[in-house]
N, C-alpha and C. Protein backbone atom coordinates (compact mmCIF):
# COMPACT_ATOMS: atom_id res chain seq x y z
N MET A 1 -10.72 -9.69 12.27
CA MET A 1 -9.61 -9.73 11.33
C MET A 1 -9.51 -8.39 10.63
N PRO A 2 -8.56 -7.55 10.99
CA PRO A 2 -8.35 -6.31 10.26
C PRO A 2 -7.86 -6.59 8.84
N LEU A 3 -8.45 -5.88 7.88
CA LEU A 3 -8.08 -6.01 6.47
C LEU A 3 -7.76 -4.62 5.96
N VAL A 4 -6.53 -4.42 5.54
CA VAL A 4 -6.07 -3.11 5.07
C VAL A 4 -5.79 -3.19 3.58
N HIS A 5 -6.40 -2.30 2.82
CA HIS A 5 -6.15 -2.20 1.38
C HIS A 5 -5.31 -0.96 1.12
N ILE A 6 -4.23 -1.10 0.39
CA ILE A 6 -3.38 0.02 0.03
C ILE A 6 -3.22 0.02 -1.48
N GLU A 7 -3.56 1.15 -2.10
CA GLU A 7 -3.39 1.30 -3.54
C GLU A 7 -2.27 2.29 -3.78
N LEU A 8 -1.33 1.90 -4.64
CA LEU A 8 -0.23 2.78 -4.95
C LEU A 8 0.23 2.58 -6.38
N ILE A 9 0.95 3.58 -6.86
CA ILE A 9 1.49 3.50 -8.21
C ILE A 9 2.72 2.61 -8.19
N GLU A 10 2.84 1.77 -9.20
CA GLU A 10 3.97 0.85 -9.28
C GLU A 10 5.30 1.59 -9.27
N GLY A 11 6.34 0.88 -8.90
CA GLY A 11 7.67 1.45 -8.98
C GLY A 11 8.48 1.34 -7.70
N ARG A 12 7.86 0.85 -6.64
CA ARG A 12 8.60 0.68 -5.39
C ARG A 12 9.30 -0.67 -5.39
N SER A 13 10.42 -0.71 -4.69
CA SER A 13 11.19 -1.95 -4.63
C SER A 13 10.50 -2.96 -3.71
N GLU A 14 10.92 -4.19 -3.84
CA GLU A 14 10.41 -5.25 -2.98
C GLU A 14 10.68 -4.93 -1.52
N GLU A 15 11.86 -4.37 -1.26
CA GLU A 15 12.23 -3.99 0.11
C GLU A 15 11.31 -2.90 0.65
N GLN A 16 10.97 -1.91 -0.15
CA GLN A 16 10.06 -0.86 0.28
C GLN A 16 8.68 -1.42 0.60
N LEU A 17 8.19 -2.32 -0.24
CA LEU A 17 6.88 -2.92 0.00
C LEU A 17 6.89 -3.78 1.25
N LYS A 18 7.97 -4.52 1.43
CA LYS A 18 8.13 -5.36 2.62
C LYS A 18 8.09 -4.51 3.89
N ASN A 19 8.81 -3.39 3.87
CA ASN A 19 8.82 -2.49 5.02
C ASN A 19 7.46 -1.85 5.25
N LEU A 20 6.77 -1.51 4.18
CA LEU A 20 5.45 -0.91 4.29
C LEU A 20 4.47 -1.85 4.98
N VAL A 21 4.39 -3.10 4.52
CA VAL A 21 3.42 -4.02 5.13
C VAL A 21 3.80 -4.34 6.58
N LYS A 22 5.08 -4.36 6.89
CA LYS A 22 5.51 -4.58 8.28
C LYS A 22 5.07 -3.41 9.15
N ASP A 23 5.32 -2.18 8.70
CA ASP A 23 4.94 -1.00 9.47
C ASP A 23 3.43 -0.89 9.64
N VAL A 24 2.69 -1.19 8.59
CA VAL A 24 1.22 -1.14 8.67
C VAL A 24 0.72 -2.19 9.65
N THR A 25 1.25 -3.39 9.56
CA THR A 25 0.85 -4.46 10.49
C THR A 25 1.15 -4.06 11.93
N ASP A 26 2.32 -3.50 12.15
CA ASP A 26 2.68 -3.06 13.51
C ASP A 26 1.72 -1.99 14.02
N ALA A 27 1.36 -1.03 13.16
CA ALA A 27 0.44 0.03 13.57
C ALA A 27 -0.94 -0.52 13.89
N VAL A 28 -1.42 -1.47 13.09
CA VAL A 28 -2.74 -2.05 13.33
C VAL A 28 -2.74 -2.85 14.63
N THR A 29 -1.71 -3.65 14.85
CA THR A 29 -1.67 -4.43 16.10
C THR A 29 -1.57 -3.51 17.31
N LYS A 30 -0.76 -2.46 17.22
CA LYS A 30 -0.60 -1.52 18.33
C LYS A 30 -1.91 -0.82 18.67
N ASN A 31 -2.66 -0.42 17.65
CA ASN A 31 -3.84 0.41 17.87
C ASN A 31 -5.15 -0.35 17.98
N THR A 32 -5.14 -1.64 17.64
CA THR A 32 -6.39 -2.41 17.75
C THR A 32 -6.28 -3.57 18.72
N GLY A 33 -5.06 -3.97 19.02
CA GLY A 33 -4.87 -5.14 19.87
C GLY A 33 -5.00 -6.46 19.13
N ALA A 34 -5.24 -6.39 17.82
CA ALA A 34 -5.34 -7.62 17.02
C ALA A 34 -3.95 -8.25 16.89
N PRO A 35 -3.87 -9.57 16.98
CA PRO A 35 -2.57 -10.22 16.79
C PRO A 35 -2.12 -10.08 15.33
N ALA A 36 -0.82 -9.97 15.14
CA ALA A 36 -0.27 -9.77 13.79
C ALA A 36 -0.73 -10.84 12.80
N GLU A 37 -0.88 -12.06 13.28
CA GLU A 37 -1.28 -13.14 12.36
C GLU A 37 -2.72 -12.98 11.86
N HIS A 38 -3.46 -12.04 12.42
CA HIS A 38 -4.83 -11.78 11.97
C HIS A 38 -4.93 -10.54 11.09
N VAL A 39 -3.82 -9.83 10.93
CA VAL A 39 -3.81 -8.61 10.12
C VAL A 39 -3.47 -8.96 8.68
N HIS A 40 -4.38 -8.61 7.79
CA HIS A 40 -4.18 -8.86 6.36
C HIS A 40 -3.96 -7.53 5.66
N VAL A 41 -2.93 -7.46 4.82
CA VAL A 41 -2.64 -6.24 4.06
C VAL A 41 -2.64 -6.62 2.58
N VAL A 42 -3.44 -5.89 1.78
CA VAL A 42 -3.52 -6.13 0.35
C VAL A 42 -2.94 -4.92 -0.36
N LEU A 43 -1.90 -5.15 -1.16
CA LEU A 43 -1.30 -4.08 -1.96
C LEU A 43 -1.81 -4.19 -3.39
N SER A 44 -2.30 -3.10 -3.91
CA SER A 44 -2.72 -3.04 -5.31
C SER A 44 -1.87 -1.98 -6.00
N GLU A 45 -1.07 -2.42 -6.94
CA GLU A 45 -0.21 -1.50 -7.66
C GLU A 45 -0.83 -1.18 -9.02
N MET A 46 -0.83 0.11 -9.33
CA MET A 46 -1.39 0.58 -10.60
C MET A 46 -0.26 1.03 -11.52
N LYS A 47 -0.46 0.82 -12.79
CA LYS A 47 0.48 1.36 -13.76
C LYS A 47 0.29 2.87 -13.81
N LYS A 48 1.36 3.58 -14.13
CA LYS A 48 1.30 5.04 -14.15
C LYS A 48 0.30 5.57 -15.17
N ASN A 49 -0.01 4.79 -16.20
CA ASN A 49 -0.97 5.25 -17.19
C ASN A 49 -2.41 4.88 -16.83
N ARG A 50 -2.62 4.47 -15.59
CA ARG A 50 -3.96 4.13 -15.10
C ARG A 50 -4.36 4.99 -13.91
N TYR A 51 -3.61 6.08 -13.68
CA TYR A 51 -3.89 6.96 -12.55
C TYR A 51 -3.59 8.39 -12.96
N SER A 52 -4.47 9.30 -12.58
CA SER A 52 -4.24 10.69 -12.93
C SER A 52 -4.56 11.61 -11.76
N VAL A 53 -3.97 12.78 -11.81
CA VAL A 53 -4.25 13.86 -10.87
C VAL A 53 -4.49 15.11 -11.71
N ALA A 54 -5.59 15.79 -11.44
CA ALA A 54 -5.95 17.01 -12.17
C ALA A 54 -6.03 16.77 -13.67
N GLY A 55 -6.47 15.58 -14.07
CA GLY A 55 -6.67 15.28 -15.47
C GLY A 55 -5.40 14.91 -16.22
N VAL A 56 -4.29 14.74 -15.52
CA VAL A 56 -3.02 14.39 -16.16
C VAL A 56 -2.58 13.03 -15.66
N LEU A 57 -2.40 12.10 -16.61
CA LEU A 57 -1.90 10.77 -16.24
C LEU A 57 -0.52 10.89 -15.63
N LYS A 58 -0.26 10.07 -14.61
CA LYS A 58 1.04 10.08 -13.97
C LYS A 58 2.15 9.72 -14.98
N SER A 59 1.81 8.93 -15.98
CA SER A 59 2.80 8.56 -16.99
C SER A 59 3.17 9.74 -17.89
N GLU A 60 2.36 10.78 -17.90
CA GLU A 60 2.63 11.97 -18.74
C GLU A 60 3.39 13.04 -17.97
N GLU A 61 3.55 12.87 -16.66
CA GLU A 61 4.27 13.87 -15.88
C GLU A 61 5.75 13.83 -16.21
N LYS A 62 6.36 14.97 -16.10
CA LYS A 62 7.81 15.05 -16.37
C LYS A 62 8.59 15.10 -15.10
């Protein structure tokens, strides 16, 4: 059972997330031979004030 964890910053639409998990599932099935019904994708969305790059919170970026 392939298990894929994806962490991203919140703000994407439901449609974008739906397309993402479909594309990831397709890639996993294509490259591993696992059936789609065995591919699990977990999305973890973070608030912008819980993630930083170079010491700057994403919520502080302009």
